[in-house]
Amino acid sequence: MAPEPSQGPAYDDAGLLLQAAAAGQGIALGRIALAADDLAAGRLVKLFDIEIEDDYGWFLAWREPLRCSREDFEAFRTWLEQEAASPEM
């Protein structure tokens, strides 16, 4: 494993990291969902055609009993799953 850099800026916020890259302050590794608008507008350029799967997941939690109808809940859950599966996510 490579050592952590000892010089230069370090960002704890992915949005600020991408803003810095778009402002010409260097390159960044970031989530496609966060970079999509800047990539489409040409403010960022994808250097390599590589995407890495991450170990993060999406979770939907709720408390029983539901405060809405089961049909409304299922419609919301379906919509949420579709949104999470979209390329922009």
C-alpha atoms as a PDB file:
ATOM      1  CA  MET A   1       0.000   0.000   0.000  1.00  0.00           C
ATOM      2  CA  ALA A   2       1.264   3.464  -0.883  1.00  0.00           C
ATOM      3  CA  PRO A   3       1.959   5.906   1.937  1.00  0.00           C
ATOM      4  CA  GLU A   4      -0.402   8.804   2.489  1.00  0.00           C
ATOM      5  CA  PRO A   5       0.789  12.045   0.851  1.00  0.00           C
ATOM      6  CA  SER A   6       2.660  14.338   3.209  1.00  0.00           C
ATOM      7  CA  GLN A   7       2.197  17.492   1.112  1.00  0.00           C
ATOM      8  CA  GLY A   8      -0.568  19.277  -0.710  1.00  0.00           C
ATOM      9  CA  PRO A   9      -4.224  19.758   0.098  1.00  0.00           C
ATOM     10  CA  ALA A  10      -6.321  17.016   1.640  1.00  0.00           C
ATOM     11  CA  TYR A  11     -10.117  17.060   1.548  1.00  0.00           C
ATOM     12  CA  ASP A  12     -12.586  15.374   3.860  1.00  0.00           C
ATOM     13  CA  ASP A  13     -15.528  16.455   1.708  1.00  0.00           C
ATOM     14  CA  ALA A  14     -15.954  14.783  -1.701  1.00  0.00           C
ATOM     15  CA  GLY A  15     -17.846  17.759  -3.118  1.00  0.00           C
ATOM     16  CA  LEU A  16     -15.040  20.161  -2.217  1.00  0.00           C
ATOM     17  CA  LEU A  17     -12.501  17.738  -3.674  1.00  0.00           C
ATOM     18  CA  LEU A  18     -14.311  17.746  -7.023  1.00  0.00           C
ATOM     19  CA  GLN A  19     -14.679  21.537  -6.940  1.00  0.00           C
ATOM     20  CA  ALA A  20     -10.931  21.861  -6.420  1.00  0.00           C
ATOM     21  CA  ALA A  21     -10.234  19.565  -9.368  1.00  0.00           C
ATOM     22  CA  ALA A  22     -12.683  21.509 -11.552  1.00  0.00           C
ATOM     23  CA  ALA A  23     -10.854  24.708 -10.548  1.00  0.00           C
ATOM     24  CA  GLY A  24      -7.586  23.258 -11.844  1.00  0.00           C
ATOM     25  CA  GLN A  25      -6.023  22.374  -8.499  1.00  0.00           C
ATOM     26  CA  GLY A  26      -5.201  18.781  -9.424  1.00  0.00           C
ATOM     27  CA  ILE A  27      -6.863  15.453 -10.064  1.00  0.00           C
ATOM     28  CA  ALA A  28      -9.428  13.669  -7.929  1.00  0.00           C
ATOM     29  CA  LEU A  29     -10.915  10.252  -7.360  1.00  0.00           C
ATOM     30  CA  GLY A  30     -14.622  10.625  -6.802  1.00  0.00           C
ATOM     31  CA  ARG A  31     -18.069   9.181  -7.173  1.00  0.00           C
ATOM     32  CA  ILE A  32     -19.553   9.407 -10.641  1.00  0.00           C
ATOM     33  CA  ALA A  33     -22.845  10.580  -9.132  1.00  0.00           C
ATOM     34  CA  LEU A  34     -21.124  13.625  -7.652  1.00  0.00           C
ATOM     35  CA  ALA A  35     -19.020  14.346 -10.737  1.00  0.00           C
ATOM     36  CA  ALA A  36     -21.688  13.735 -13.413  1.00  0.00           C
ATOM     37  CA  ASP A  37     -22.758  17.379 -13.865  1.00  0.00           C
ATOM     38  CA  ASP A  38     -19.164  18.638 -14.019  1.00  0.00           C
ATOM     39  CA  LEU A  39     -18.238  15.885 -16.480  1.00  0.00           C
ATOM     40  CA  ALA A  40     -21.226  16.692 -18.699  1.00  0.00           C
ATOM     41  CA  ALA A  41     -20.396  20.409 -18.630  1.00  0.00           C
ATOM     42  CA  GLY A  42     -16.726  19.786 -19.417  1.00  0.00           C
ATOM     43  CA  ARG A  43     -15.477  21.191 -16.110  1.00  0.00           C
ATOM     44  CA  LEU A  44     -14.006  17.774 -15.314  1.00  0.00           C
ATOM     45  CA  VAL A  45     -12.506  15.194 -17.664  1.00  0.00           C
ATOM     46  CA  LYS A  46     -12.465  11.482 -16.942  1.00  0.00           C
ATOM     47  CA  LEU A  47      -8.807  10.496 -17.264  1.00  0.00           C
ATOM     48  CA  PHE A  48      -9.345   6.740 -17.462  1.00  0.00           C
ATOM     49  CA  ASP A  49     -12.245   4.536 -18.474  1.00  0.00           C
ATOM     50  CA  ILE A  50     -12.151   2.741 -15.118  1.00  0.00           C
ATOM     51  CA  GLU A  51     -14.874   2.509 -12.501  1.00  0.00           C
ATOM     52  CA  ILE A  52     -14.448   0.729  -9.196  1.00  0.00           C
ATOM     53  CA  GLU A  53     -17.266  -0.932  -7.302  1.00  0.00           C
ATOM     54  CA  ASP A  54     -17.405   0.141  -3.683  1.00  0.00           C
ATOM     55  CA  ASP A  55     -18.510  -1.700  -0.573  1.00  0.00           C
ATOM     56  CA  TYR A  56     -21.186   0.810   0.346  1.00  0.00           C
ATOM     57  CA  GLY A  57     -24.851  -0.046   0.174  1.00  0.00           C
ATOM     58  CA  TRP A  58     -28.244   1.546   0.413  1.00  0.00           C
ATOM     59  CA  PHE A  59     -30.566   0.781   3.285  1.00  0.00           C
ATOM     60  CA  LEU A  60     -34.207   1.600   3.828  1.00  0.00           C
ATOM     61  CA  ALA A  61     -35.386   1.424   7.413  1.00  0.00           C
ATOM     62  CA  TRP A  62     -38.809   2.156   8.865  1.00  0.00           C
ATOM     63  CA  ARG A  63     -40.724   1.820  12.072  1.00  0.00           C
ATOM     64  CA  GLU A  64     -43.764  -0.402  12.325  1.00  0.00           C
ATOM     65  CA  PRO A  65     -46.583   0.376  12.106  1.00  0.00           C
ATOM     66  CA  LEU A  66     -46.309   2.472   8.960  1.00  0.00           C
ATOM     67  CA  ARG A  67     -47.946   5.886   9.043  1.00  0.00           C
ATOM     68  CA  CYS A  68     -48.979   5.527   5.413  1.00  0.00           C
ATOM     69  CA  SER A  69     -50.751   2.832   3.470  1.00  0.00           C
ATOM     70  CA  ARG A  70     -48.784  -0.250   2.518  1.00  0.00           C
ATOM     71  CA  GLU A  71     -49.413   0.556  -1.160  1.00  0.00           C
ATOM     72  CA  ASP A  72     -47.957   4.062  -0.737  1.00  0.00           C
ATOM     73  CA  PHE A  73     -44.941   2.601   1.023  1.00  0.00           C
ATOM     74  CA  GLU A  74     -44.360  -0.002  -1.698  1.00  0.00           C
ATOM     75  CA  ALA A  75     -44.662   2.686  -4.400  1.00  0.00           C
ATOM     76  CA  PHE A  76     -42.082   4.814  -2.577  1.00  0.00           C
ATOM     77  CA  ARG A  77     -39.758   1.837  -2.110  1.00  0.00           C
ATOM     78  CA  THR A  78     -40.001   0.927  -5.809  1.00  0.00           C
ATOM     79  CA  TRP A  79     -39.274   4.514  -6.840  1.00  0.00           C
ATOM     80  CA  LEU A  80     -36.313   4.696  -4.445  1.00  0.00           C
ATOM     81  CA  GLU A  81     -34.842   1.452  -5.808  1.00  0.00           C
ATOM     82  CA  GLN A  82     -35.164   2.752  -9.375  1.00  0.00           C
ATOM     83  CA  GLU A  83     -33.477   6.024  -8.455  1.00  0.00           C
ATOM     84  CA  ALA A  84     -30.632   4.224  -6.673  1.00  0.00           C
ATOM     85  CA  ALA A  85     -30.107   1.998  -9.712  1.00  0.00           C
ATOM     86  CA  SER A  86     -29.887   4.923 -12.147  1.00  0.00           C
ATOM     87  CA  PRO A  87     -26.443   5.693 -13.605  1.00  0.00           C
ATOM     88  CA  GLU A  88     -26.399   9.112 -11.921  1.00  0.00           C
ATOM     89  CA  MET A  89     -26.379   7.454  -8.517  1.00  0.00           C
END
